[in-house]
PDB file of N, CA and C in Angstrom:
ATOM      1  N   MET A   1       1.573 -21.113  -9.050  1.00  0.00           N
ATOM      2  CA  MET A   1       1.023 -20.736  -7.493  1.00  0.00           C
ATOM      3  C   MET A   1       1.714 -19.707  -6.390  1.00  0.00           C
ATOM      4  N   LYS A   2       2.825 -20.621  -6.504  1.00  0.00           N
ATOM      5  CA  LYS A   2       3.331 -19.750  -5.516  1.00  0.00           C
ATOM      6  C   LYS A   2       3.857 -18.393  -5.610  1.00  0.00           C
ATOM      7  N   ARG A   3       4.156 -18.166  -6.981  1.00  0.00           N
ATOM      8  CA  ARG A   3       4.045 -16.577  -7.088  1.00  0.00           C
ATOM      9  C   ARG A   3       3.246 -15.861  -7.209  1.00  0.00           C
ATOM     10  N   LEU A   4       1.883 -16.810  -7.445  1.00  0.00           N
ATOM     11  CA  LEU A   4       0.759 -15.448  -6.654  1.00  0.00           C
ATOM     12  C   LEU A   4       0.678 -14.983  -5.516  1.00  0.00           C
ATOM     13  N   PHE A   5       1.113 -16.357  -4.743  1.00  0.00           N
ATOM     14  CA  PHE A   5       1.052 -15.650  -3.312  1.00  0.00           C
ATOM     15  C   PHE A   5       1.744 -15.171  -2.589  1.00  0.00           C
ATOM     16  N   LYS A   6       3.110 -15.465  -3.732  1.00  0.00           N
ATOM     17  CA  LYS A   6       4.379 -14.182  -2.910  1.00  0.00           C
ATOM     18  C   LYS A   6       3.604 -12.664  -3.191  1.00  0.00           C
ATOM     19  N   LEU A   7       3.072 -12.750  -4.612  1.00  0.00           N
ATOM     20  CA  LEU A   7       2.440 -11.405  -5.118  1.00  0.00           C
ATOM     21  C   LEU A   7       1.281 -10.590  -4.217  1.00  0.00           C
ATOM     22  N   GLY A   8       0.471 -11.679  -3.777  1.00  0.00           N
ATOM     23  CA  GLY A   8      -0.497 -11.299  -2.871  1.00  0.00           C
ATOM     24  C   GLY A   8       0.236 -10.559  -1.642  1.00  0.00           C
ATOM     25  N   LEU A   9       1.319 -11.733  -0.873  1.00  0.00           N
ATOM     26  CA  LEU A   9       1.782 -11.164   0.240  1.00  0.00           C
ATOM     27  C   LEU A   9       2.280  -9.863   0.617  1.00  0.00           C
ATOM     28  N   GLU A  10       2.960  -9.508  -0.979  1.00  0.00           N
ATOM     29  CA  GLU A  10       3.508  -7.996  -1.242  1.00  0.00           C
ATOM     30  C   GLU A  10       2.639  -7.136  -1.482  1.00  0.00           C
ATOM     31  N   LYS A  11       1.565  -7.523  -2.159  1.00  0.00           N
ATOM     32  CA  LYS A  11       0.243  -6.300  -2.627  1.00  0.00           C
ATOM     33  C   LYS A  11      -0.464  -5.814  -1.505  1.00  0.00           C
ATOM     34  N   LEU A  12      -1.178  -6.847  -1.230  1.00  0.00           N
ATOM     35  CA  LEU A  12      -1.972  -6.402   0.089  1.00  0.00           C
ATOM     36  C   LEU A  12      -1.719  -5.727   1.247  1.00  0.00           C
ATOM     37  N   PRO A  13      -0.570  -6.129   2.169  1.00  0.00           N
ATOM     38  CA  PRO A  13      -0.419  -4.967   3.085  1.00  0.00           C
ATOM     39  C   PRO A  13      -0.171  -3.406   2.275  1.00  0.00           C
ATOM     40  N   GLN A  14       1.063  -3.614   1.106  1.00  0.00           N
ATOM     41  CA  GLN A  14       0.791  -2.260   0.769  1.00  0.00           C
ATOM     42  C   GLN A  14      -0.289  -1.353   0.784  1.00  0.00           C
ATOM     43  N   ILE A  15      -1.461  -1.961  -0.070  1.00  0.00           N
ATOM     44  CA  ILE A  15      -2.492  -1.150   0.023  1.00  0.00           C
ATOM     45  C   ILE A  15      -2.887  -0.703   1.233  1.00  0.00           C
ATOM     46  N   GLY A  16      -2.841  -0.951   2.136  1.00  0.00           N
ATOM     47  CA  GLY A  16      -3.732  -0.655   3.451  1.00  0.00           C
ATOM     48  C   GLY A  16      -2.484  -0.025   4.265  1.00  0.00           C
ATOM     49  N   PHE A  17      -1.060  -0.307   4.238  1.00  0.00           N
ATOM     50  CA  PHE A  17      -0.239   0.614   4.882  1.00  0.00           C
ATOM     51  C   PHE A  17      -0.135   1.877   3.661  1.00  0.00           C
ATOM     52  N   GLY A  18      -0.274   2.242   2.587  1.00  0.00           N
ATOM     53  CA  GLY A  18      -0.316   3.367   1.515  1.00  0.00           C
ATOM     54  C   GLY A  18      -1.471   4.203   2.169  1.00  0.00           C
ATOM     55  N   LEU A  19      -2.513   3.562   2.232  1.00  0.00           N
ATOM     56  CA  LEU A  19      -3.717   4.569   2.916  1.00  0.00           C
ATOM     57  C   LEU A  19      -3.478   4.926   3.937  1.00  0.00           C
ATOM     58  N   VAL A  20      -2.920   3.971   5.037  1.00  0.00           N
ATOM     59  CA  VAL A  20      -2.822   4.507   6.495  1.00  0.00           C
ATOM     60  C   VAL A  20      -1.555   5.711   6.941  1.00  0.00           C
ATOM     61  N   MET A  21      -0.521   5.566   5.601  1.00  0.00           N
ATOM     62  CA  MET A  21       0.398   6.686   5.484  1.00  0.00           C
ATOM     63  C   MET A  21      -0.257   8.044   5.125  1.00  0.00           C
ATOM     64  N   ASP A  22      -1.174   8.250   4.242  1.00  0.00           N
ATOM     65  CA  ASP A  22      -1.809   9.564   3.813  1.00  0.00           C
ATOM     66  C   ASP A  22      -2.925   9.694   4.549  1.00  0.00           C
ATOM     67  N   LEU A  23      -3.845   8.582   5.088  1.00  0.00           N
ATOM     68  CA  LEU A  23      -4.621   9.317   5.915  1.00  0.00           C
ATOM     69  C   LEU A  23      -4.201   9.980   6.990  1.00  0.00           C
ATOM     70  N   TRP A  24      -2.977   8.935   7.515  1.00  0.00           N
ATOM     71  CA  TRP A  24      -2.481  10.306   8.866  1.00  0.00           C
ATOM     72  C   TRP A  24      -2.011  11.417   8.499  1.00  0.00           C
ATOM     73  N   ARG A  25      -1.153  11.738   7.389  1.00  0.00           N
ATOM     74  CA  ARG A  25      -0.799  12.978   6.689  1.00  0.00           C
ATOM     75  C   ARG A  25      -1.736  13.822   6.833  1.00  0.00           C
ATOM     76  N   TRP A  26      -2.837  13.529   6.104  1.00  0.00           N
ATOM     77  CA  TRP A  26      -4.499  14.277   5.901  1.00  0.00           C
ATOM     78  C   TRP A  26      -4.713  14.737   7.446  1.00  0.00           C
ATOM     79  N   GLY A  27      -4.570  13.675   8.079  1.00  0.00           N
ATOM     80  CA  GLY A  27      -5.450  14.037   9.627  1.00  0.00           C
ATOM     81  C   GLY A  27      -4.617  15.301  10.296  1.00  0.00           C
ATOM     82  N   ILE A  28      -2.892  15.211  10.106  1.00  0.00           N
ATOM     83  CA  ILE A  28      -2.287  16.317  10.693  1.00  0.00           C
ATOM     84  C   ILE A  28      -2.508  17.280   9.964  1.00  0.00           C
ATOM     85  N   PHE A  29      -2.714  17.020   8.637  1.00  0.00           N
ATOM     86  CA  PHE A  29      -3.138  18.654   8.180  1.00  0.00           C
ATOM     87  C   PHE A  29      -4.296  19.358   8.174  1.00  0.00           C
ATOM     88  N   GLU A  30      -5.222  18.335   8.754  1.00  0.00           N
ATOM     89  CA  GLU A  30      -6.754  18.710   8.865  1.00  0.00           C
ATOM     90  C   GLU A  30      -6.835  18.967  10.540  1.00  0.00           C
ATOM     91  N   SER A  31      -5.621  18.901  11.056  1.00  0.00           N
ATOM     92  CA  SER A  31      -5.936  19.285  12.765  1.00  0.00           C
ATOM     93  C   SER A  31      -6.834  18.081  13.429  1.00  0.00           C
ATOM     94  N   LYS A  32      -6.711  16.920  12.915  1.00  0.00           N
ATOM     95  CA  LYS A  32      -7.665  16.121  13.496  1.00  0.00           C
ATOM     96  C   LYS A  32      -6.922  15.465  15.169  1.00  0.00           C
ATOM     97  N   SER A  33      -5.840  15.969  15.102  1.00  0.00           N
ATOM     98  CA  SER A  33      -4.790  15.562  16.218  1.00  0.00           C
ATOM     99  C   SER A  33      -4.229  16.176  16.608  1.00  0.00           C
ATOM    100  N   SER A  34      -4.033  16.323  18.165  1.00  0.00           N
ATOM    101  CA  SER A  34      -2.745  17.599  18.251  1.00  0.00           C
ATOM    102  C   SER A  34      -1.635  17.025  18.408  1.00  0.00           C
ATOM    103  N   ALA A  35      -0.798  17.745  18.184  1.00  0.00           N
ATOM    104  CA  ALA A  35       1.116  17.403  18.302  1.00  0.00           C
ATOM    105  C   ALA A  35       1.110  16.069  19.199  1.00  0.00           C
ATOM    106  N   SER A  36       0.503  16.539  20.400  1.00  0.00           N
ATOM    107  CA  SER A  36       0.971  15.646  21.756  1.00  0.00           C
ATOM    108  C   SER A  36       0.022  14.225  21.584  1.00  0.00           C
ATOM    109  N   THR A  37      -1.096  14.368  20.755  1.00  0.00           N
ATOM    110  CA  THR A  37      -1.607  12.609  20.376  1.00  0.00           C
ATOM    111  C   THR A  37      -1.162  11.920  18.717  1.00  0.00           C
ATOM    112  N   TRP A  38      -0.149  12.648  18.250  1.00  0.00           N
ATOM    113  CA  TRP A  38       0.050  11.977  16.827  1.00  0.00           C
ATOM    114  C   TRP A  38       0.585  10.824  17.020  1.00  0.00           C
ATOM    115  N   ASN A  39       1.192  10.124  17.885  1.00  0.00           N
ATOM    116  CA  ASN A  39       1.669   8.805  18.288  1.00  0.00           C
ATOM    117  C   ASN A  39       0.696   7.900  18.002  1.00  0.00           C
ATOM    118  N   GLU A  40      -0.426   8.136  18.856  1.00  0.00           N
ATOM    119  CA  GLU A  40      -1.566   7.444  19.274  1.00  0.00           C
ATOM    120  C   GLU A  40      -2.854   7.477  17.959  1.00  0.00           C
ATOM    121  N   PHE A  41      -2.318   8.861  17.359  1.00  0.00           N
ATOM    122  CA  PHE A  41      -3.624   8.628  16.166  1.00  0.00           C
ATOM    123  C   PHE A  41      -3.066   7.686  14.969  1.00  0.00           C
ATOM    124  N   TRP A  42      -1.463   7.480  14.865  1.00  0.00           N
ATOM    125  CA  TRP A  42      -1.076   7.005  14.093  1.00  0.00           C
ATOM    126  C   TRP A  42      -1.258   5.383  14.518  1.00  0.00           C
ATOM    127  N   TRP A  43      -1.462   5.072  15.753  1.00  0.00           N
ATOM    128  CA  TRP A  43      -1.893   3.740  15.799  1.00  0.00           C
ATOM    129  C   TRP A  43      -2.994   3.206  15.923  1.00  0.00           C
ATOM    130  N   ASP A  44      -4.083   4.741  16.003  1.00  0.00           N
ATOM    131  CA  ASP A  44      -5.427   4.389  15.576  1.00  0.00           C
ATOM    132  C   ASP A  44      -5.592   3.512  14.735  1.00  0.00           C
ATOM    133  N   LEU A  45      -5.580   4.419  13.601  1.00  0.00           N
ATOM    134  CA  LEU A  45      -5.523   3.731  12.162  1.00  0.00           C
ATOM    135  C   LEU A  45      -5.042   2.838  11.641  1.00  0.00           C
ATOM    136  N   ASN A  46      -3.839   2.513  12.192  1.00  0.00           N
ATOM    137  CA  ASN A  46      -2.994   1.467  12.083  1.00  0.00           C
ATOM    138  C   ASN A  46      -3.939  -0.154  12.246  1.00  0.00           C
ATOM    139  N   TYR A  47      -4.498   0.401  13.604  1.00  0.00           N
ATOM    140  CA  TYR A  47      -5.398  -0.839  14.343  1.00  0.00           C
ATOM    141  C   TYR A  47      -6.478  -0.826  13.060  1.00  0.00           C
ATOM    142  N   GLU A  48      -7.320   0.110  12.783  1.00  0.00           N
ATOM    143  CA  GLU A  48      -8.283   0.298  12.376  1.00  0.00           C
ATOM    144  C   GLU A  48      -8.525  -0.359  10.906  1.00  0.00           C
ATOM    145  N   TYR A  49      -7.018  -0.033  10.145  1.00  0.00           N
ATOM    146  CA  TYR A  49      -7.182  -0.087   8.581  1.00  0.00           C
ATOM    147  C   TYR A  49      -6.373  -1.754   8.441  1.00  0.00           C
ATOM    148  N   LEU A  50      -5.568  -1.785   9.373  1.00  0.00           N
ATOM    149  CA  LEU A  50      -4.171  -2.895   9.034  1.00  0.00           C
ATOM    150  C   LEU A  50      -4.473  -3.830  10.373  1.00  0.00           C
ATOM    151  N   GLY A  51      -5.074  -3.725  11.354  1.00  0.00           N
ATOM    152  CA  GLY A  51      -5.554  -4.811  12.494  1.00  0.00           C
ATOM    153  C   GLY A  51      -4.180  -5.058  13.095  1.00  0.00           C
ATOM    154  N   VAL A  52      -3.320  -3.968  13.034  1.00  0.00           N
ATOM    155  CA  VAL A  52      -1.639  -3.705  13.924  1.00  0.00           C
ATOM    156  C   VAL A  52      -2.178  -3.222  15.121  1.00  0.00           C
ATOM    157  N   TRP A  53      -1.582  -4.130  16.116  1.00  0.00           N
ATOM    158  CA  TRP A  53      -1.954  -3.194  17.509  1.00  0.00           C
ATOM    159  C   TRP A  53      -0.563  -2.356  17.884  1.00  0.00           C
ATOM    160  N   LYS A  54      -0.693  -1.038  18.395  1.00  0.00           N
ATOM    161  CA  LYS A  54       0.562  -0.631  19.008  1.00  0.00           C
ATOM    162  C   LYS A  54       1.624  -1.595  19.846  1.00  0.00           C
ATOM    163  N   PRO A  55       2.672  -1.404  19.817  1.00  0.00           N
ATOM    164  CA  PRO A  55       3.516  -2.085  20.651  1.00  0.00           C
ATOM    165  C   PRO A  55       3.133  -1.969  22.004  1.00  0.00           C
ATOM    166  N   GLN A  56       3.117  -3.091  22.968  1.00  0.00           N
ATOM    167  CA  GLN A  56       2.672  -3.348  24.182  1.00  0.00           C
ATOM    168  C   GLN A  56       3.709  -2.954  25.110  1.00  0.00           C
ATOM    169  N   GLY A  57       3.279  -2.031  26.271  1.00  0.00           N
ATOM    170  CA  GLY A  57       4.622  -1.621  27.378  1.00  0.00           C
ATOM    171  C   GLY A  57       4.982  -0.507  26.989  1.00  0.00           C
ATOM    172  N   VAL A  58       5.236   0.067  26.139  1.00  0.00           N
ATOM    173  CA  VAL A  58       5.648   1.312  25.333  1.00  0.00           C
ATOM    174  C   VAL A  58       4.952   2.375  25.434  1.00  0.00           C
ATOM    175  N   PRO A  59       5.087   3.496  26.111  1.00  0.00           N
ATOM    176  CA  PRO A  59       4.164   4.616  26.031  1.00  0.00           C
ATOM    177  C   PRO A  59       4.388   5.427  24.934  1.00  0.00           C
ATOM    178  N   LEU A  60       3.198   5.832  24.326  1.00  0.00           N
ATOM    179  CA  LEU A  60       2.563   6.237  23.366  1.00  0.00           C
ATOM    180  C   LEU A  60       3.573   7.380  22.836  1.00  0.00           C
ATOM    181  N   THR A  61       3.525   8.169  24.016  1.00  0.00           N
ATOM    182  CA  THR A  61       4.865   9.541  24.123  1.00  0.00           C
ATOM    183  C   THR A  61       6.019   9.712  23.690  1.00  0.00           C
ATOM    184  N   ASP A  62       6.643   8.335  24.219  1.00  0.00           N
ATOM    185  CA  ASP A  62       7.820   8.260  24.137  1.00  0.00           C
ATOM    186  C   ASP A  62       8.299   8.782  22.344  1.00  0.00           C
ATOM    187  N   GLY A  63       7.478   8.203  21.535  1.00  0.00           N
ATOM    188  CA  GLY A  63       8.176   8.531  19.964  1.00  0.00           C
ATOM    189  C   GLY A  63       7.283   9.077  19.025  1.00  0.00           C
ATOM    190  N   LEU A  64       7.582   9.427  17.717  1.00  0.00           N
ATOM    191  CA  LEU A  64       6.300   8.988  16.858  1.00  0.00           C
ATOM    192  C   LEU A  64       7.045   8.480  15.742  1.00  0.00           C
ATOM    193  N   ASP A  65       6.177   7.168  15.564  1.00  0.00           N
ATOM    194  CA  ASP A  65       6.521   6.027  15.082  1.00  0.00           C
ATOM    195  C   ASP A  65       6.089   6.329  13.400  1.00  0.00           C
ATOM    196  N   ALA A  66       5.386   7.438  13.376  1.00  0.00           N
ATOM    197  CA  ALA A  66       5.033   7.339  11.632  1.00  0.00           C
ATOM    198  C   ALA A  66       6.464   7.919  11.048  1.00  0.00           C
ATOM    199  N   THR A  67       7.258   8.676  11.373  1.00  0.00           N
ATOM    200  CA  THR A  67       8.239   9.233  10.983  1.00  0.00           C
ATOM    201  C   THR A  67       9.253   8.174  10.651  1.00  0.00           C
ATOM    202  N   GLY A  68       8.808   7.136  11.027  1.00  0.00           N
ATOM    203  CA  GLY A  68       9.992   6.072  10.912  1.00  0.00           C
ATOM    204  C   GLY A  68      10.263   5.519   9.125  1.00  0.00           C
ATOM    205  N   LYS A  69       9.250   6.488   8.492  1.00  0.00           N
ATOM    206  CA  LYS A  69       9.267   6.335   6.995  1.00  0.00           C
ATOM    207  C   LYS A  69       9.405   7.693   6.641  1.00  0.00           C
ATOM    208  N   PHE A  70      10.452   7.724   5.596  1.00  0.00           N
ATOM    209  CA  PHE A  70      11.217   8.686   4.880  1.00  0.00           C
ATOM    210  C   PHE A  70       9.717   9.735   4.563  1.00  0.00           C
ATOM    211  N   HIS A  71       9.098   9.305   3.748  1.00  0.00           N
ATOM    212  CA  HIS A  71       8.026   9.748   3.198  1.00  0.00           C
ATOM    213  C   HIS A  71       7.055  10.871   3.819  1.00  0.00           C
ATOM    214  N   ILE A  72       7.227  10.661   5.164  1.00  0.00           N
ATOM    215  CA  ILE A  72       6.402  10.891   6.424  1.00  0.00           C
ATOM    216  C   ILE A  72       7.087  12.370   6.601  1.00  0.00           C
ATOM    217  N   ILE A  73       8.625  12.498   6.955  1.00  0.00           N
ATOM    218  CA  ILE A  73       9.283  13.204   7.104  1.00  0.00           C
ATOM    219  C   ILE A  73       9.711  14.136   6.098  1.00  0.00           C
ATOM    220  N   ASP A  74       9.533  14.080   5.162  1.00  0.00           N
ATOM    221  CA  ASP A  74       9.806  14.771   4.076  1.00  0.00           C
ATOM    222  C   ASP A  74       8.704  15.201   3.147  1.00  0.00           C
ATOM    223  N   ASN A  75       7.674  15.019   3.664  1.00  0.00           N
ATOM    224  CA  ASN A  75       6.102  15.368   3.377  1.00  0.00           C
ATOM    225  C   ASN A  75       5.930  15.080   1.759  1.00  0.00           C
ATOM    226  N   VAL A  76       6.318  13.713   1.735  1.00  0.00           N
ATOM    227  CA  VAL A  76       6.155  12.721   0.203  1.00  0.00           C
ATOM    228  C   VAL A  76       4.572  12.305   0.028  1.00  0.00           C
ATOM    229  N   PRO A  77       3.987  12.582  -0.668  1.00  0.00           N
ATOM    230  CA  PRO A  77       2.418  12.021  -0.812  1.00  0.00           C
ATOM    231  C   PRO A  77       2.616  10.324  -0.622  1.00  0.00           C
ATOM    232  N   TYR A  78       2.427   9.560  -0.078  1.00  0.00           N
ATOM    233  CA  TYR A  78       2.465   8.284  -0.127  1.00  0.00           C
ATOM    234  C   TYR A  78       0.925   7.306  -1.405  1.00  0.00           C
ATOM    235  N   MET A  79       0.166   8.036  -1.498  1.00  0.00           N
ATOM    236  CA  MET A  79      -1.202   7.956  -2.623  1.00  0.00           C
ATOM    237  C   MET A  79      -0.242   7.093  -3.407  1.00  0.00           C
ATOM    238  N   ARG A  80       0.474   7.903  -4.296  1.00  0.00           N
ATOM    239  CA  ARG A  80       0.582   6.965  -5.587  1.00  0.00           C
ATOM    240  C   ARG A  80       0.964   5.196  -5.533  1.00  0.00           C
ATOM    241  N   TYR A  81       2.079   5.125  -4.388  1.00  0.00           N
ATOM    242  CA  TYR A  81       1.668   3.795  -4.004  1.00  0.00           C
ATOM    243  C   TYR A  81       0.586   2.932  -3.736  1.00  0.00           C
ATOM    244  N   PHE A  82      -0.197   3.582  -3.649  1.00  0.00           N
ATOM    245  CA  PHE A  82      -1.772   3.195  -2.785  1.00  0.00           C
ATOM    246  C   PHE A  82      -2.144   2.687  -4.511  1.00  0.00           C
ATOM    247  N   LEU A  83      -2.106   3.755  -5.101  1.00  0.00           N
ATOM    248  CA  LEU A  83      -2.467   3.669  -6.800  1.00  0.00           C
ATOM    249  C   LEU A  83      -2.169   2.433  -7.447  1.00  0.00           C
ATOM    250  N   ALA A  84      -0.561   2.854  -7.288  1.00  0.00           N
ATOM    251  CA  ALA A  84      -0.171   1.923  -8.230  1.00  0.00           C
ATOM    252  C   ALA A  84      -0.076   0.361  -8.118  1.00  0.00           C
ATOM    253  N   SER A  85      -0.395  -0.110  -6.806  1.00  0.00           N
ATOM    254  CA  SER A  85      -1.020  -1.521  -6.789  1.00  0.00           C
ATOM    255  C   SER A  85      -2.469  -1.997  -7.412  1.00  0.00           C
ATOM    256  N   PHE A  86      -3.150  -1.486  -7.550  1.00  0.00           N
ATOM    257  CA  PHE A  86      -4.242  -1.367  -8.424  1.00  0.00           C
ATOM    258  C   PHE A  86      -4.289  -1.511  -9.548  1.00  0.00           C
ATOM    259  N   LEU A  87      -3.222  -0.168 -10.386  1.00  0.00           N
ATOM    260  CA  LEU A  87      -3.105   0.050 -11.687  1.00  0.00           C
ATOM    261  C   LEU A  87      -1.920  -1.344 -12.053  1.00  0.00           C
ATOM    262  N   GLN A  88      -0.873  -1.822 -11.352  1.00  0.00           N
ATOM    263  CA  GLN A  88      -0.406  -2.841 -11.889  1.00  0.00           C
ATOM    264  C   GLN A  88      -1.311  -4.307 -11.973  1.00  0.00           C
ATOM    265  N   LEU A  89      -2.058  -4.497 -11.014  1.00  0.00           N
ATOM    266  CA  LEU A  89      -3.012  -5.427 -11.224  1.00  0.00           C
ATOM    267  C   LEU A  89      -3.652  -5.325 -12.684  1.00  0.00           C
ATOM    268  N   GLN A  90      -4.193  -4.211 -12.994  1.00  0.00           N
ATOM    269  CA  GLN A  90      -4.911  -3.693 -14.114  1.00  0.00           C
ATOM    270  C   GLN A  90      -4.357  -4.064 -15.589  1.00  0.00           C
ATOM    271  N   PHE A  91      -2.826  -3.587 -15.033  1.00  0.00           N
ATOM    272  CA  PHE A  91      -2.127  -3.997 -16.597  1.00  0.00           C
ATOM    273  C   PHE A  91      -1.876  -5.151 -16.830  1.00  0.00           C
ATOM    274  N   PHE A  92      -1.824  -6.125 -15.603  1.00  0.00           N
ATOM    275  CA  PHE A  92      -1.368  -7.287 -15.836  1.00  0.00           C
ATOM    276  C   PHE A  92      -2.779  -7.987 -16.382  1.00  0.00           C
ATOM    277  N   GLN A  93      -3.546  -8.052 -16.350  1.00  0.00           N
ATOM    278  CA  GLN A  93      -5.027  -8.559 -16.506  1.00  0.00           C
ATOM    279  C   GLN A  93      -5.191  -8.001 -17.570  1.00  0.00           C
ATOM    280  N   ALA A  94      -5.339  -7.169 -18.423  1.00  0.00           N
ATOM    281  CA  ALA A  94      -5.029  -6.500 -20.109  1.00  0.00           C
ATOM    282  C   ALA A  94      -4.296  -7.135 -20.690  1.00  0.00           C
ATOM    283  N   MET A  95      -3.320  -7.272 -19.850  1.00  0.00           N
ATOM    284  CA  MET A  95      -1.920  -8.041 -20.829  1.00  0.00           C
ATOM    285  C   MET A  95      -2.443  -9.531 -20.812  1.00  0.00           C
ATOM    286  N   CYS A  96      -2.721 -10.285 -19.940  1.00  0.00           N
ATOM    287  CA  CYS A  96      -3.425 -11.499 -20.017  1.00  0.00           C
ATOM    288  C   CYS A  96      -4.561 -11.779 -21.068  1.00  0.00           C
ATOM    289  N   GLU A  97      -5.304 -10.813 -20.851  1.00  0.00           N
ATOM    290  CA  GLU A  97      -6.158 -10.931 -22.174  1.00  0.00           C
ATOM    291  C   GLU A  97      -5.948 -10.691 -23.303  1.00  0.00           C
ATOM    292  N   ALA A  98      -4.753  -9.884 -23.664  1.00  0.00           N
ATOM    293  CA  ALA A  98      -4.658  -9.235 -24.994  1.00  0.00           C
ATOM    294  C   ALA A  98      -3.800 -10.856 -25.513  1.00  0.00           C
ATOM    295  N   GLY A  99      -3.083 -11.493 -24.497  1.00  0.00           N
ATOM    296  CA  GLY A  99      -2.546 -12.945 -24.598  1.00  0.00           C
ATOM    297  C   GLY A  99      -3.089 -14.222 -25.142  1.00  0.00           C
ATOM    298  N   GLY A 100      -4.479 -13.950 -24.607  1.00  0.00           N
ATOM    299  CA  GLY A 100      -5.798 -14.602 -24.784  1.00  0.00           C
ATOM    300  C   GLY A 100      -6.116 -15.593 -23.788  1.00  0.00           C
ATOM    301  N   GLN A 101      -5.463 -15.231 -22.052  1.00  0.00           N
ATOM    302  CA  GLN A 101      -5.828 -16.263 -21.427  1.00  0.00           C
ATOM    303  C   GLN A 101      -6.652 -15.234 -20.266  1.00  0.00           C
ATOM    304  N   ASN A 102      -7.535 -15.853 -19.709  1.00  0.00           N
ATOM    305  CA  ASN A 102      -8.832 -15.295 -19.211  1.00  0.00           C
ATOM    306  C   ASN A 102      -8.183 -15.257 -17.949  1.00  0.00           C
ATOM    307  N   ASN A 103      -7.340 -16.542 -17.091  1.00  0.00           N
ATOM    308  CA  ASN A 103      -7.323 -16.855 -15.965  1.00  0.00           C
ATOM    309  C   ASN A 103      -6.184 -15.843 -15.392  1.00  0.00           C
ATOM    310  N   MET A 104      -6.192 -14.918 -14.584  1.00  0.00           N
ATOM    311  CA  MET A 104      -4.757 -14.241 -14.071  1.00  0.00           C
ATOM    312  C   MET A 104      -3.992 -14.949 -13.201  1.00  0.00           C
ATOM    313  N   HIS A 105      -4.247 -16.187 -12.569  1.00  0.00           N
ATOM    314  CA  HIS A 105      -3.868 -17.018 -11.948  1.00  0.00           C
ATOM    315  C   HIS A 105      -2.854 -17.947 -12.539  1.00  0.00           C
ATOM    316  N   THR A 106      -3.180 -18.130 -13.749  1.00  0.00           N
ATOM    317  CA  THR A 106      -2.517 -19.375 -14.185  1.00  0.00           C
ATOM    318  C   THR A 106      -1.570 -18.565 -15.749  1.00  0.00           C
ATOM    319  N   CYS A 107      -1.543 -17.194 -15.489  1.00  0.00           N
ATOM    320  CA  CYS A 107      -1.523 -16.622 -17.307  1.00  0.00           C
ATOM    321  C   CYS A 107       0.002 -16.477 -17.169  1.00  0.00           C
ATOM    322  N   GLN A 108       0.837 -16.726 -18.349  1.00  0.00           N
ATOM    323  CA  GLN A 108       1.849 -16.932 -18.644  1.00  0.00           C
ATOM    324  C   GLN A 108       2.137 -15.741 -19.583  1.00  0.00           C
ATOM    325  N   LEU A 109       2.994 -14.614 -19.289  1.00  0.00           N
ATOM    326  CA  LEU A 109       3.373 -13.498 -20.410  1.00  0.00           C
ATOM    327  C   LEU A 109       4.809 -13.555 -21.310  1.00  0.00           C
ATOM    328  N   ARG A 110       5.342 -14.608 -20.974  1.00  0.00           N
ATOM    329  CA  ARG A 110       6.995 -14.980 -21.711  1.00  0.00           C
ATOM    330  C   ARG A 110       6.161 -15.593 -22.887  1.00  0.00           C
ATOM    331  N   GLY A 111       6.523 -14.802 -24.036  1.00  0.00           N
ATOM    332  CA  GLY A 111       6.715 -14.748 -25.730  1.00  0.00           C
ATOM    333  C   GLY A 111       5.358 -14.645 -26.058  1.00  0.00           C
ATOM    334  N   SER A 112       4.626 -13.694 -25.559  1.00  0.00           N
ATOM    335  CA  SER A 112       3.209 -13.152 -25.936  1.00  0.00           C
ATOM    336  C   SER A 112       3.567 -11.739 -26.039  1.00  0.00           C
ATOM    337  N   LYS A 113       3.667 -11.703 -28.229  1.00  0.00           N
ATOM    338  CA  LYS A 113       3.559 -10.433 -28.761  1.00  0.00           C
ATOM    339  C   LYS A 113       2.324  -9.742 -28.163  1.00  0.00           C
ATOM    340  N   GLU A 114       1.335 -10.160 -28.379  1.00  0.00           N
ATOM    341  CA  GLU A 114       0.217  -9.399 -28.373  1.00  0.00           C
ATOM    342  C   GLU A 114       0.101  -8.431 -26.679  1.00  0.00           C
ATOM    343  N   ALA A 115       1.204  -9.287 -25.602  1.00  0.00           N
ATOM    344  CA  ALA A 115       0.355  -9.020 -24.697  1.00  0.00           C
ATOM    345  C   ALA A 115       1.833  -7.957 -24.640  1.00  0.00           C
ATOM    346  N   GLY A 116       2.877  -8.041 -25.320  1.00  0.00           N
ATOM    347  CA  GLY A 116       4.020  -6.827 -25.125  1.00  0.00           C
ATOM    348  C   GLY A 116       3.503  -5.796 -26.141  1.00  0.00           C
ATOM    349  N   GLN A 117       2.458  -5.786 -27.028  1.00  0.00           N
ATOM    350  CA  GLN A 117       2.260  -4.636 -28.058  1.00  0.00           C
ATOM    351  C   GLN A 117       1.515  -3.410 -26.847  1.00  0.00           C
ATOM    352  N   LEU A 118       0.552  -4.075 -25.618  1.00  0.00           N
ATOM    353  CA  LEU A 118       0.183  -3.375 -25.195  1.00  0.00           C
ATOM    354  C   LEU A 118       1.118  -1.847 -24.312  1.00  0.00           C
ATOM    355  N   LEU A 119       2.210  -2.248 -24.049  1.00  0.00           N
ATOM    356  CA  LEU A 119       3.326  -1.535 -23.281  1.00  0.00           C
ATOM    357  C   LEU A 119       3.555  -0.678 -23.966  1.00  0.00           C
ATOM    358  N   TRP A 120       3.446  -0.458 -25.808  1.00  0.00           N
ATOM    359  CA  TRP A 120       4.380   0.457 -26.685  1.00  0.00           C
ATOM    360  C   TRP A 120       3.204   0.998 -27.186  1.00  0.00           C
TER     361      TRP A 120
END
C-alpha cells in the first residue's frame, strides 16, 4: 500500500502540472494574455487547476515563473507527460489483468509471464 501511495503522490500532481504547462503555452500562442501579464496568467492557471497560489509579497511583474521549466523556454510540448500518466496506468491495469489479478492496488507483476508478454 505504501508503494501505491507514493505512486499517487508522483502521478496526480504531474497530471495537473502537465495540463497547466501546455494551457499556458497555448494561451500565449493564442494571445489570450499580453506579454506584460504572462506571469499573472501563469499563476491564474496554477490556482485554477492545481490550487496553488502565487507567491505572496512578490510583484508578479518581477519575473516570469513559467520559464523556470526548460520545456517552456525551448518550446517543447508538455502534453506528452500529461498523457503518459494515463497511459502508464492503463498499461499497468492491462498487465495486472493478464496476470490474473483484478485489483490494481494489490497487483504484483513479478514473475508473471502473461503480464510480460503484453510488452512484447
